[in-house]
Amino acid sequence: KHQLKKRRKKNRYTLSNSDLIEIGCFVGVHGIKGEVKLKSYAEKPENIFSYKEIFLENDVNPIRFKFLRKVKQNLICEIEDVKTRNDAEKFRNSKLFIKRQSLPKLLDDEFYLRDLIGFDVCNTNKESFGSIISFSDFGGGLLIEVKKDGKTFYLPAGREFLNIIDYKEKEVILNLDFSF
């Protein structure tokens, strides 16, 4: 069930953040006809359009937009009722969300990366590397961004390195032979 929260200033209702998963962001505008550049966080960027409802942050009503074309890593979209570059500028840096329940069901050996944010990362000797702050893939495979003692660094997170995900203890154990 979605909790509606009343915002003091605008007297609007919003969906609870715990119900939502960030799926993309409008990173800029494209051209003069009100088109926007969308960065999708879906495994295959175009899959973002397979979700029935997509929400802007702090809005309970879904946004209506359609895919036009792909330019480099961005998806060029048209937002309903946005016809000018100035109108499109209002959406720059707006985050897009889906409801958690609209995500596909997972198999036993699958997980959502977002669910591991904040988990502790250890080697097989239970020596902590720090806690997970994000995941990235720069082309060489999945990396875990870890923060420890105010410093951030990356660790490999491919299947060959991933040993155990312990949801109860909130930790990820990697097959790595070193420690910090």
Protein backbone atom coordinates (compact mmCIF):
# COMPACT_ATOMS: atom_id res chain seq x y z
CA LYS A 1 0.00 0.00 0.00
CA HIS A 2 1.22 3.45 -0.80
CA GLN A 3 1.39 6.02 1.92
CA LEU A 4 0.41 9.51 0.90
CA LYS A 5 2.19 12.32 2.65
CA LYS A 6 0.96 15.87 2.65
CA ARG A 7 3.60 18.46 1.83
CA ARG A 8 3.26 21.63 3.89
CA LYS A 9 4.19 24.29 1.35
CA LYS A 10 2.36 23.21 -1.78
CA ASN A 11 -0.46 21.24 -0.18
CA ARG A 12 0.22 18.33 -2.56
CA TYR A 13 0.26 14.62 -1.89
CA THR A 14 3.30 12.48 -2.71
CA LEU A 15 4.12 8.79 -2.74
CA SER A 16 6.33 7.50 0.06
CA ASN A 17 9.97 7.14 -1.06
CA SER A 18 10.07 3.57 0.29
CA ASP A 19 7.49 2.59 -2.34
CA LEU A 20 9.49 3.98 -5.25
CA ILE A 21 12.57 2.90 -7.21
CA GLU A 22 14.55 5.45 -9.20
CA ILE A 23 14.60 4.30 -12.82
CA GLY A 24 16.00 7.30 -14.69
CA CYS A 25 16.53 11.03 -14.95
CA PHE A 26 15.84 13.77 -17.48
CA VAL A 27 19.41 15.00 -17.95
CA GLY A 28 18.71 17.87 -20.32
CA VAL A 29 16.82 19.19 -23.31
CA HIS A 30 17.25 18.42 -27.00
CA GLY A 31 16.46 20.90 -29.74
CA ILE A 32 13.82 23.62 -29.69
CA LYS A 33 10.61 21.56 -29.85
CA GLY A 34 10.44 20.62 -26.17
CA GLU A 35 12.23 17.27 -26.39
CA VAL A 36 14.16 15.99 -23.36
CA LYS A 37 17.17 13.71 -22.93
CA LEU A 38 16.47 10.75 -20.67
CA LYS A 39 19.12 8.67 -18.96
CA SER A 40 17.58 5.29 -18.18
CA TYR A 41 18.87 3.11 -15.34
CA ALA A 42 17.19 -0.01 -16.73
CA GLU A 43 19.51 -2.87 -17.73
CA LYS A 44 18.54 -2.21 -21.34
CA PRO A 45 17.78 1.55 -21.48
CA GLU A 46 14.70 1.15 -23.70
CA ASN A 47 13.11 -1.14 -21.07
CA ILE A 48 12.10 1.95 -19.11
CA PHE A 49 9.18 2.28 -21.53
CA SER A 50 7.84 -1.15 -20.54
CA TYR A 51 6.60 0.23 -17.19
CA LYS A 52 2.98 1.30 -17.08
CA GLU A 53 3.43 4.19 -14.67
CA ILE A 54 6.49 6.39 -14.20
CA PHE A 55 6.48 9.20 -11.66
CA LEU A 56 8.46 12.38 -11.22
CA GLU A 57 9.81 12.76 -7.71
CA ASN A 58 7.33 14.43 -5.36
CA ASP A 59 4.36 13.80 -7.66
CA VAL A 60 1.60 11.25 -7.15
CA ASN A 61 0.38 11.40 -10.78
CA PRO A 62 2.33 9.49 -13.43
CA ILE A 63 4.11 11.49 -16.11
CA ARG A 64 3.19 10.84 -19.72
CA PHE A 65 5.99 10.80 -22.26
CA LYS A 66 7.05 8.80 -25.28
CA PHE A 67 10.29 7.62 -26.83
CA LEU A 68 11.35 9.31 -30.06
CA ARG A 69 14.91 8.12 -30.76
CA LYS A 70 18.24 7.28 -29.20
CA VAL A 71 21.19 9.70 -29.35
CA LYS A 72 24.43 8.26 -27.96
CA GLN A 73 23.63 7.02 -24.41
CA ASN A 74 20.46 9.11 -24.02
CA LEU A 75 16.89 8.45 -25.04
CA ILE A 76 15.18 11.45 -26.64
CA CYS A 77 11.60 11.78 -25.43
CA GLU A 78 8.57 13.98 -25.83
CA ILE A 79 6.64 14.86 -22.67
CA GLU A 80 2.90 15.31 -23.06
CA ASP A 81 1.92 19.02 -23.34
CA VAL A 82 5.56 20.20 -23.52
CA LYS A 83 6.11 21.97 -26.84
CA THR A 84 8.99 24.42 -26.27
CA ARG A 85 12.58 24.26 -25.11
CA ASN A 86 11.74 26.58 -22.19
CA ASP A 87 8.97 24.24 -21.01
CA ALA A 88 11.33 21.26 -21.33
CA GLU A 89 14.00 23.05 -19.25
CA LYS A 90 11.68 22.75 -16.22
CA PHE A 91 12.23 18.97 -16.31
CA ARG A 92 16.06 19.11 -16.37
CA ASN A 93 17.54 16.92 -13.58
CA SER A 94 14.09 15.56 -12.65
CA LYS A 95 14.34 12.02 -11.33
CA LEU A 96 11.95 9.34 -12.58
CA PHE A 97 10.55 6.58 -10.38
CA ILE A 98 8.47 3.43 -10.67
CA LYS A 99 6.50 1.66 -7.97
CA ARG A 100 8.51 -1.14 -6.38
CA GLN A 101 5.71 -3.65 -7.02
CA SER A 102 5.93 -3.07 -10.78
CA LEU A 103 9.42 -4.62 -10.86
CA PRO A 104 9.55 -8.16 -12.25
CA LYS A 105 9.69 -11.04 -9.77
CA LEU A 106 13.20 -12.37 -9.25
CA LEU A 107 14.57 -15.89 -9.45
CA ASP A 108 16.38 -17.30 -6.40
CA ASP A 109 19.84 -16.32 -7.67
CA GLU A 110 18.80 -12.79 -8.74
CA PHE A 111 18.71 -9.53 -6.82
CA TYR A 112 18.19 -5.83 -7.35
CA LEU A 113 21.36 -3.79 -6.91
CA ARG A 114 19.40 -1.03 -5.20
CA ASP A 115 18.50 -3.40 -2.36
CA LEU A 116 22.20 -3.79 -1.47
CA ILE A 117 22.94 -0.08 -0.95
CA GLY A 118 24.17 0.34 2.64
CA PHE A 119 25.23 -3.31 3.00
CA ASP A 120 28.69 -3.99 4.41
CA VAL A 121 31.17 -5.58 1.97
CA CYS A 122 33.60 -8.19 3.33
CA ASN A 123 36.11 -10.68 2.02
CA THR A 124 35.73 -14.38 2.83
CA ASN A 125 37.64 -13.82 6.11
CA LYS A 126 34.89 -11.36 7.17
CA GLU A 127 37.29 -8.39 6.95
CA SER A 128 35.23 -5.33 6.06
CA PHE A 129 35.97 -3.21 2.99
CA GLY A 130 33.27 -0.67 3.95
CA SER A 131 29.67 -0.10 2.93
CA ILE A 132 28.10 -0.04 -0.52
CA ILE A 133 27.15 3.40 -1.81
CA SER A 134 26.49 2.60 -5.49
CA PHE A 135 27.12 0.29 -8.45
CA SER A 136 28.71 1.17 -11.79
CA ASP A 137 29.67 -0.51 -15.01
CA PHE A 138 32.22 1.39 -17.09
CA GLY A 139 32.41 -1.39 -19.67
CA GLY A 140 34.65 -3.89 -17.86
CA GLY A 141 31.98 -5.45 -15.65
CA LEU A 142 29.96 -4.55 -12.59
CA LEU A 143 31.75 -2.63 -9.84
CA ILE A 144 30.67 -1.89 -6.27
CA GLU A 145 31.46 1.62 -5.05
CA VAL A 146 32.42 1.30 -1.39
CA LYS A 147 33.00 3.93 1.28
CA LYS A 148 35.23 3.39 4.31
CA ASP A 149 36.76 5.98 6.62
CA GLY A 150 35.64 8.81 4.35
CA LYS A 151 37.33 7.33 1.26
CA THR A 152 35.55 5.76 -1.70
CA PHE A 153 36.84 3.08 -4.07
CA TYR A 154 35.58 0.35 -6.39
CA LEU A 155 35.58 -3.43 -6.00
CA PRO A 156 34.71 -6.02 -8.67
CA ALA A 157 31.23 -7.49 -8.32
CA GLY A 158 30.85 -9.97 -11.17
CA ARG A 159 29.54 -13.49 -10.54
CA GLU A 160 33.09 -14.83 -10.15
CA PHE A 161 33.65 -12.47 -7.18
CA LEU A 162 30.24 -12.60 -5.52
CA ASN A 163 30.19 -15.26 -2.81
CA ILE A 164 27.22 -14.60 -0.52
CA ILE A 165 24.53 -11.95 -0.07
CA ASP A 166 23.31 -12.10 3.52
CA TYR A 167 20.13 -10.04 3.78
CA LYS A 168 19.73 -10.75 7.50
CA GLU A 169 23.21 -9.42 8.38
CA LYS A 170 23.10 -6.85 5.55
CA GLU A 171 26.42 -7.89 4.11
CA VAL A 172 27.92 -8.95 0.82
CA ILE A 173 30.86 -11.35 0.86
CA LEU A 174 33.26 -11.22 -2.07
CA ASN A 175 35.89 -13.79 -3.10
CA LEU A 176 38.80 -11.38 -2.78
CA ASP A 177 42.19 -12.23 -1.27
CA PHE A 178 43.03 -8.81 0.13
CA SER A 179 41.77 -6.47 2.84
CA PHE A 180 42.00 -2.79 3.75
